[in-house]
Amino acid sequence: MTDAVIRTEGLTRDFASTRAVDGLSIEVPRGAVFGFLGPNGSGKTTTIRMLLGLLEPTSGHASVLGFDAARQASEIRLRSGCLLEYSGLYERLSVEENLELFGRIWGIPRSERQARTKEVLQSFGLWERRQDSAGTWSRGMKQKLAVARALLHRPALIFLDEPTAGLDPLAAAALREDLAALTRREGVTVFLTTHNLTEAEKLCARVAVIRRGRLLAEGPPEQLRMQKAGQRAEIVGRGLDERVLAMLRERPEIRSATVQEGRLLLELEDHSPLSPLVPLLVGAGVEIEEIRRERASLEDVFMTLMEENGR
């Protein structure tokens, strides 16, 4: 990957006797949504703080937007937007006043500030309610406003730490759509942490999965699904008894075989063909009515990685 907005090499951070981030090496491509995935306590927020220069690494190196994160942190923060643990909104101010305040903090000229405020509020569908007090809004609306605020100064990169956490499904879906449109329209790079694997699968061009500070996998979601997870098949029919299950479980290409409500659920090793199993089942007396095959989801990949590295 040649045009990396973020590049880390062996990035490590220790706290007393705990290693929060352990030799992390990743690259984040320009203009994409990059998903940074891991369970609670895996080192995601610590990594973001090192990338922003808020924490010094114990060892290793990180460059962000071409700047050294340890020595040129102010340059990185000037060119980045952030929505971390707290929204940072002033709830007694109106929506428009919130952006006016932050625009002044960023030193945006008055005419440009007004035009940009209208632009970002319109892009999130918030312009008609710009006179509302921010404190009267729902959590989903506040999150949209917080993301709009992070974009106000036209950053090349934004960090979003669990932006849809606590939102209802409709509000979360609306924010996801806005983020997808944002990357297409403005070409901004998004560094996203989330526990919502479906969200990551829909939004992210590339993901990295970490556990206990260590990188377990990195790449496009589709590539990880093909490399790290088995393939699933569902066979509907009659004669699916314990004798058939015992026969299937002895085959090396089958990871698991179960029967639920007349359906045979199979998980196959990667790239294993399903076709040899059909005559085998027919020969065992199974009357096959339907066969469906599907790839594992990103959530399946994530859980497989957690199980493999938790042993």
Protein backbone atom coordinates (compact mmCIF):
# COMPACT_ATOMS: atom_id res chain seq x y z
CA MET A 1 0.00 0.00 0.00
CA THR A 2 1.76 3.15 -1.17
CA ASP A 3 -0.56 6.02 -0.21
CA ALA A 4 -0.98 5.38 3.51
CA VAL A 5 -2.50 8.11 5.67
CA ILE A 6 -1.51 6.21 8.83
CA ARG A 7 1.44 3.86 9.14
CA THR A 8 2.62 2.20 12.35
CA GLU A 9 5.66 0.00 12.81
CA GLY A 10 5.98 -2.08 15.97
CA LEU A 11 3.91 0.43 17.94
CA THR A 12 3.95 -0.55 21.62
CA ARG A 13 2.63 1.04 24.81
CA ASP A 14 3.11 -0.25 28.36
CA PHE A 15 1.30 0.85 31.51
CA ALA A 16 3.11 -0.41 34.60
CA SER A 17 2.91 -4.21 34.25
CA THR A 18 0.34 -4.14 31.41
CA ARG A 19 1.16 -4.05 27.70
CA ALA A 20 -1.82 -2.24 26.16
CA VAL A 21 -0.53 -2.20 22.58
CA ASP A 22 1.96 -4.82 21.46
CA GLY A 23 4.07 -4.37 18.32
CA LEU A 24 1.24 -3.00 16.16
CA SER A 25 2.04 -2.56 12.46
CA ILE A 26 -0.79 -1.33 10.22
CA GLU A 27 -1.35 0.88 7.17
CA VAL A 28 -4.51 2.92 6.55
CA PRO A 29 -5.22 3.86 2.90
CA ARG A 30 -6.22 7.37 1.89
CA GLY A 31 -9.90 8.17 1.36
CA ALA A 32 -11.27 4.97 2.90
CA VAL A 33 -13.11 3.92 6.05
CA PHE A 34 -10.69 1.79 8.07
CA GLY A 35 -12.23 -0.38 10.78
CA PHE A 36 -10.19 -0.98 13.93
CA LEU A 37 -11.89 -3.88 15.67
CA GLY A 38 -11.40 -5.60 19.00
CA PRO A 39 -13.10 -6.40 22.31
CA ASN A 40 -13.08 -4.02 25.25
CA GLY A 41 -9.58 -3.57 26.64
CA SER A 42 -7.88 -4.63 23.41
CA GLY A 43 -5.92 -1.37 23.01
CA LYS A 44 -8.04 0.50 20.45
CA THR A 45 -8.38 3.79 22.34
CA THR A 46 -4.74 3.67 23.47
CA THR A 47 -3.72 3.32 19.82
CA ILE A 48 -5.80 6.34 18.80
CA ARG A 49 -4.25 8.41 21.57
CA MET A 50 -0.77 7.50 20.34
CA LEU A 51 -1.71 8.34 16.75
CA LEU A 52 -2.87 11.77 17.93
CA GLY A 53 0.26 12.31 19.99
CA LEU A 54 -1.65 12.32 23.28
CA LEU A 55 0.41 9.36 24.51
CA GLU A 56 4.01 8.54 23.75
CA PRO A 57 4.73 4.98 22.64
CA THR A 58 7.00 2.83 24.76
CA SER A 59 8.61 1.70 21.51
CA GLY A 60 7.88 1.63 17.81
CA HIS A 61 6.86 4.40 15.46
CA ALA A 62 3.69 5.94 13.99
CA SER A 63 3.30 8.45 11.18
CA VAL A 64 -0.02 10.17 10.49
CA LEU A 65 -0.61 12.34 7.40
CA GLY A 66 3.14 12.26 6.85
CA PHE A 67 3.97 13.56 10.35
CA ASP A 68 5.73 11.76 13.18
CA ALA A 69 3.10 11.16 15.89
CA ALA A 70 5.59 11.54 18.74
CA ARG A 71 7.36 14.71 17.51
CA GLN A 72 4.79 16.49 15.32
CA ALA A 73 1.54 15.82 17.16
CA SER A 74 0.27 19.41 16.83
CA GLU A 75 0.50 19.18 13.03
CA ILE A 76 -1.52 15.96 13.08
CA ARG A 77 -4.21 17.38 15.35
CA LEU A 78 -4.55 20.51 13.20
CA ARG A 79 -5.36 18.31 10.22
CA SER A 80 -7.56 15.75 11.98
CA GLY A 81 -11.05 15.61 13.39
CA CYS A 82 -12.02 13.48 16.39
CA LEU A 83 -15.07 12.04 18.07
CA LEU A 84 -13.80 9.98 20.96
CA GLU A 85 -15.50 9.03 24.22
CA TYR A 86 -17.45 12.26 24.75
CA SER A 87 -19.20 14.37 22.13
CA GLY A 88 -17.87 17.66 23.52
CA LEU A 89 -21.06 19.52 22.59
CA TYR A 90 -22.32 22.52 24.56
CA GLU A 91 -25.90 21.53 25.21
CA ARG A 92 -27.15 25.00 26.24
CA LEU A 93 -26.04 26.45 22.92
CA SER A 94 -27.98 26.05 19.71
CA VAL A 95 -26.77 23.67 17.04
CA GLU A 96 -25.54 26.59 14.93
CA GLU A 97 -23.84 28.25 17.90
CA ASN A 98 -21.95 25.03 18.66
CA LEU A 99 -20.44 25.01 15.18
CA GLU A 100 -19.84 28.76 15.28
CA LEU A 101 -17.82 28.33 18.48
CA PHE A 102 -15.72 25.49 17.13
CA GLY A 103 -15.24 27.32 13.85
CA ARG A 104 -13.75 30.23 15.76
CA ILE A 105 -11.51 27.88 17.74
CA TRP A 106 -10.21 26.48 14.44
CA GLY A 107 -9.62 30.01 13.16
CA ILE A 108 -11.94 29.65 10.17
CA PRO A 109 -12.75 33.08 8.64
CA ARG A 110 -16.31 34.31 9.30
CA SER A 111 -17.72 34.01 5.76
CA GLU A 112 -16.16 30.59 5.26
CA ARG A 113 -17.33 29.52 8.72
CA GLN A 114 -20.95 30.35 7.92
CA ALA A 115 -20.83 28.62 4.54
CA ARG A 116 -19.17 25.53 5.98
CA THR A 117 -21.65 25.36 8.87
CA LYS A 118 -24.53 25.31 6.41
CA GLU A 119 -22.77 22.74 4.24
CA VAL A 120 -22.09 20.20 6.99
CA LEU A 121 -25.50 20.61 8.62
CA GLN A 122 -27.25 20.12 5.30
CA SER A 123 -25.18 17.03 4.56
CA PHE A 124 -26.41 15.45 7.82
CA GLY A 125 -30.00 16.65 7.39
CA LEU A 126 -29.73 19.04 10.34
CA TRP A 127 -29.90 22.48 8.74
CA GLU A 128 -33.63 23.08 9.26
CA ARG A 129 -33.18 22.55 13.00
CA ARG A 130 -30.06 24.65 13.44
CA GLN A 131 -31.75 26.96 16.00
CA ASP A 132 -32.61 24.07 18.34
CA SER A 133 -30.78 23.81 21.62
CA ALA A 134 -28.35 20.89 21.28
CA GLY A 135 -29.42 19.58 24.68
CA THR A 136 -32.96 18.91 23.46
CA TRP A 137 -31.85 16.48 20.77
CA SER A 138 -31.82 12.69 20.87
CA ARG A 139 -28.54 10.81 21.24
CA GLY A 140 -28.58 9.93 17.54
CA MET A 141 -29.03 13.57 16.50
CA LYS A 142 -26.28 14.66 18.89
CA GLN A 143 -23.92 12.09 17.39
CA LYS A 144 -24.63 13.44 13.92
CA LEU A 145 -23.90 16.96 15.16
CA ALA A 146 -20.68 15.79 16.83
CA VAL A 147 -19.49 14.20 13.58
CA ALA A 148 -20.45 17.37 11.69
CA ARG A 149 -18.39 19.37 14.18
CA ALA A 150 -15.41 17.06 13.68
CA LEU A 151 -15.62 17.77 9.93
CA LEU A 152 -16.06 21.53 10.17
CA HIS A 153 -12.43 22.49 9.44
CA ARG A 154 -12.19 20.09 6.46
CA PRO A 155 -9.78 17.59 8.04
CA ALA A 156 -8.03 15.02 5.89
CA LEU A 157 -8.58 12.38 8.58
CA ILE A 158 -11.19 11.80 11.28
CA PHE A 159 -11.07 9.42 14.23
CA LEU A 160 -14.44 8.00 15.31
CA ASP A 161 -14.48 5.89 18.46
CA GLU A 162 -17.71 3.84 18.64
CA PRO A 163 -19.85 6.57 16.99
CA THR A 164 -23.04 4.47 16.94
CA ALA A 165 -22.72 3.03 20.47
CA GLY A 166 -25.98 3.38 22.35
CA LEU A 167 -27.99 4.42 19.30
CA ASP A 168 -31.20 2.70 18.30
CA PRO A 169 -31.05 0.70 15.02
CA LEU A 170 -32.65 3.45 12.92
CA ALA A 171 -30.36 6.18 14.24
CA ALA A 172 -27.30 3.96 13.80
CA ALA A 173 -28.27 3.11 10.21
CA ALA A 174 -28.81 6.80 9.40
CA LEU A 175 -25.39 7.73 10.78
CA ARG A 176 -23.75 4.91 8.81
CA GLU A 177 -25.33 6.18 5.61
CA ASP A 178 -24.09 9.69 6.34
CA LEU A 179 -20.55 8.42 6.95
CA ALA A 180 -20.53 6.43 3.71
CA ALA A 181 -21.72 9.49 1.76
CA LEU A 182 -19.15 11.63 3.54
CA THR A 183 -16.17 9.57 2.39
CA ARG A 184 -17.45 9.59 -1.18
CA ARG A 185 -18.15 13.33 -1.22
CA GLU A 186 -15.16 14.77 0.64
CA GLY A 187 -12.52 12.07 0.24
CA VAL A 188 -11.82 12.11 3.97
CA THR A 189 -10.14 9.09 5.58
CA VAL A 190 -12.07 7.63 8.53
CA PHE A 191 -10.39 5.63 11.30
CA LEU A 192 -13.33 3.86 12.92
CA THR A 193 -13.54 1.72 16.04
CA THR A 194 -16.74 -0.23 16.54
CA HIS A 195 -18.14 -3.31 18.25
CA ASN A 196 -20.79 -3.59 15.55
CA LEU A 197 -19.35 -6.09 13.08
CA THR A 198 -22.25 -5.67 10.65
CA GLU A 199 -21.52 -1.96 10.64
CA ALA A 200 -17.84 -2.58 9.91
CA GLU A 201 -18.71 -5.00 7.12
CA LYS A 202 -20.95 -2.42 5.43
CA LEU A 203 -18.73 0.64 5.89
CA CYS A 204 -15.11 -0.43 5.86
CA ALA A 205 -12.88 -0.95 2.86
CA ARG A 206 -10.27 -2.44 5.17
CA VAL A 207 -10.24 -3.67 8.77
CA ALA A 208 -7.71 -4.65 11.40
CA VAL A 209 -8.60 -6.98 14.29
CA ILE A 210 -6.66 -6.76 17.55
CA ARG A 211 -6.79 -8.58 20.87
CA ARG A 212 -4.77 -7.71 23.97
CA GLY A 213 -2.92 -5.12 21.91
CA ARG A 214 -1.75 -7.54 19.23
CA LEU A 215 -2.76 -7.52 15.57
CA LEU A 216 -4.56 -10.74 14.61
CA ALA A 217 -5.61 -9.96 11.04
CA GLU A 218 -5.77 -7.08 8.58
CA GLY A 219 -7.28 -6.66 5.13
CA PRO A 220 -10.52 -6.09 3.20
CA PRO A 221 -13.51 -7.77 4.92
CA GLU A 222 -14.10 -10.08 1.96
CA GLN A 223 -10.49 -11.24 2.02
CA LEU A 224 -10.64 -11.97 5.75
CA ARG A 225 -13.87 -13.91 5.29
CA MET A 226 -12.19 -16.08 2.68
CA GLN A 227 -8.95 -16.57 4.59
CA LYS A 228 -10.04 -16.89 8.20
CA ALA A 229 -13.51 -18.38 8.31
CA GLY A 230 -14.96 -21.62 7.13
CA GLN A 231 -17.77 -21.92 4.65
CA ARG A 232 -21.29 -22.81 5.67
CA ALA A 233 -23.90 -24.96 3.96
CA GLU A 234 -27.46 -25.82 4.81
CA ILE A 235 -29.11 -28.98 3.51
CA VAL A 236 -32.85 -29.56 3.89
CA GLY A 237 -34.17 -33.10 3.64
CA ARG A 238 -35.34 -36.26 5.35
CA GLY A 239 -33.27 -39.01 6.96
CA LEU A 240 -30.82 -36.65 8.72
CA ASP A 241 -30.19 -38.77 11.79
CA GLU A 242 -27.31 -39.34 14.23
CA ARG A 243 -25.84 -42.03 11.99
CA VAL A 244 -25.47 -39.51 9.16
CA LEU A 245 -23.99 -36.91 11.52
CA ALA A 246 -21.41 -39.37 12.83
CA MET A 247 -20.37 -40.20 9.26
CA LEU A 248 -19.99 -36.54 8.32
CA ARG A 249 -18.03 -35.60 11.44
CA GLU A 250 -15.34 -38.11 10.51
CA ARG A 251 -14.60 -36.33 7.23
CA PRO A 252 -11.57 -33.98 7.27
CA GLU A 253 -13.24 -31.20 5.25
CA ILE A 254 -16.05 -30.79 7.80
CA ARG A 255 -15.48 -28.59 10.86
CA SER A 256 -18.93 -29.16 12.34
CA ALA A 257 -22.22 -30.84 11.50
CA THR A 258 -25.52 -30.39 13.36
CA VAL A 259 -29.19 -30.95 12.63
CA GLN A 260 -31.81 -28.34 13.57
CA GLU A 261 -35.50 -28.71 12.67
CA GLY A 262 -34.86 -31.00 9.72
CA ARG A 263 -31.95 -28.92 8.40
CA LEU A 264 -28.37 -30.15 8.24
CA LEU A 265 -25.98 -27.29 9.10
CA LEU A 266 -22.41 -27.79 7.94
CA GLU A 267 -19.29 -25.70 8.44
CA LEU A 268 -16.58 -26.66 5.96
CA GLU A 269 -12.86 -26.02 5.91
CA ASP A 270 -11.84 -23.17 3.61
CA HIS A 271 -12.32 -23.82 -0.12
CA SER A 272 -13.63 -27.36 0.48
CA PRO A 273 -16.09 -28.44 -2.25
CA LEU A 274 -19.61 -29.40 -1.26
CA SER A 275 -20.36 -31.58 -4.27
CA PRO A 276 -18.66 -34.81 -2.99
CA LEU A 277 -20.97 -34.80 0.03
CA VAL A 278 -24.15 -35.03 -2.05
CA PRO A 279 -23.73 -38.63 -3.31
CA LEU A 280 -22.42 -39.59 0.13
CA LEU A 281 -25.65 -38.36 1.76
CA VAL A 282 -27.86 -39.92 -0.90
CA GLY A 283 -26.04 -43.22 -0.45
CA ALA A 284 -26.73 -43.01 3.28
CA GLY A 285 -30.45 -42.74 2.60
CA VAL A 286 -30.91 -38.98 2.92
CA GLU A 287 -33.64 -37.49 0.71
CA ILE A 288 -32.24 -34.06 -0.22
CA GLU A 289 -34.78 -31.32 -0.94
CA GLU A 290 -32.62 -28.19 -0.97
CA ILE A 291 -28.96 -27.15 -0.67
CA ARG A 292 -27.88 -23.62 0.26
CA ARG A 293 -24.30 -22.44 0.64
CA GLU A 294 -23.12 -19.19 2.22
CA ARG A 295 -19.88 -17.48 3.17
CA ALA A 296 -19.13 -16.72 6.79
CA SER A 297 -19.74 -13.13 7.91
CA LEU A 298 -17.17 -10.73 9.34
CA GLU A 299 -18.67 -11.48 12.76
CA ASP A 300 -17.89 -15.17 12.22
CA VAL A 301 -14.30 -14.25 11.31
CA PHE A 302 -14.01 -12.07 14.41
CA MET A 303 -15.30 -14.77 16.74
CA THR A 304 -13.01 -17.37 15.14
CA LEU A 305 -10.00 -15.10 15.67
CA MET A 306 -10.98 -14.46 19.30
CA GLU A 307 -11.39 -18.19 19.97
CA GLU A 308 -8.13 -19.15 18.25
CA ASN A 309 -6.13 -16.52 20.14
CA GLY A 310 -7.86 -17.00 23.47
CA ARG A 311 -6.70 -20.54 23.96
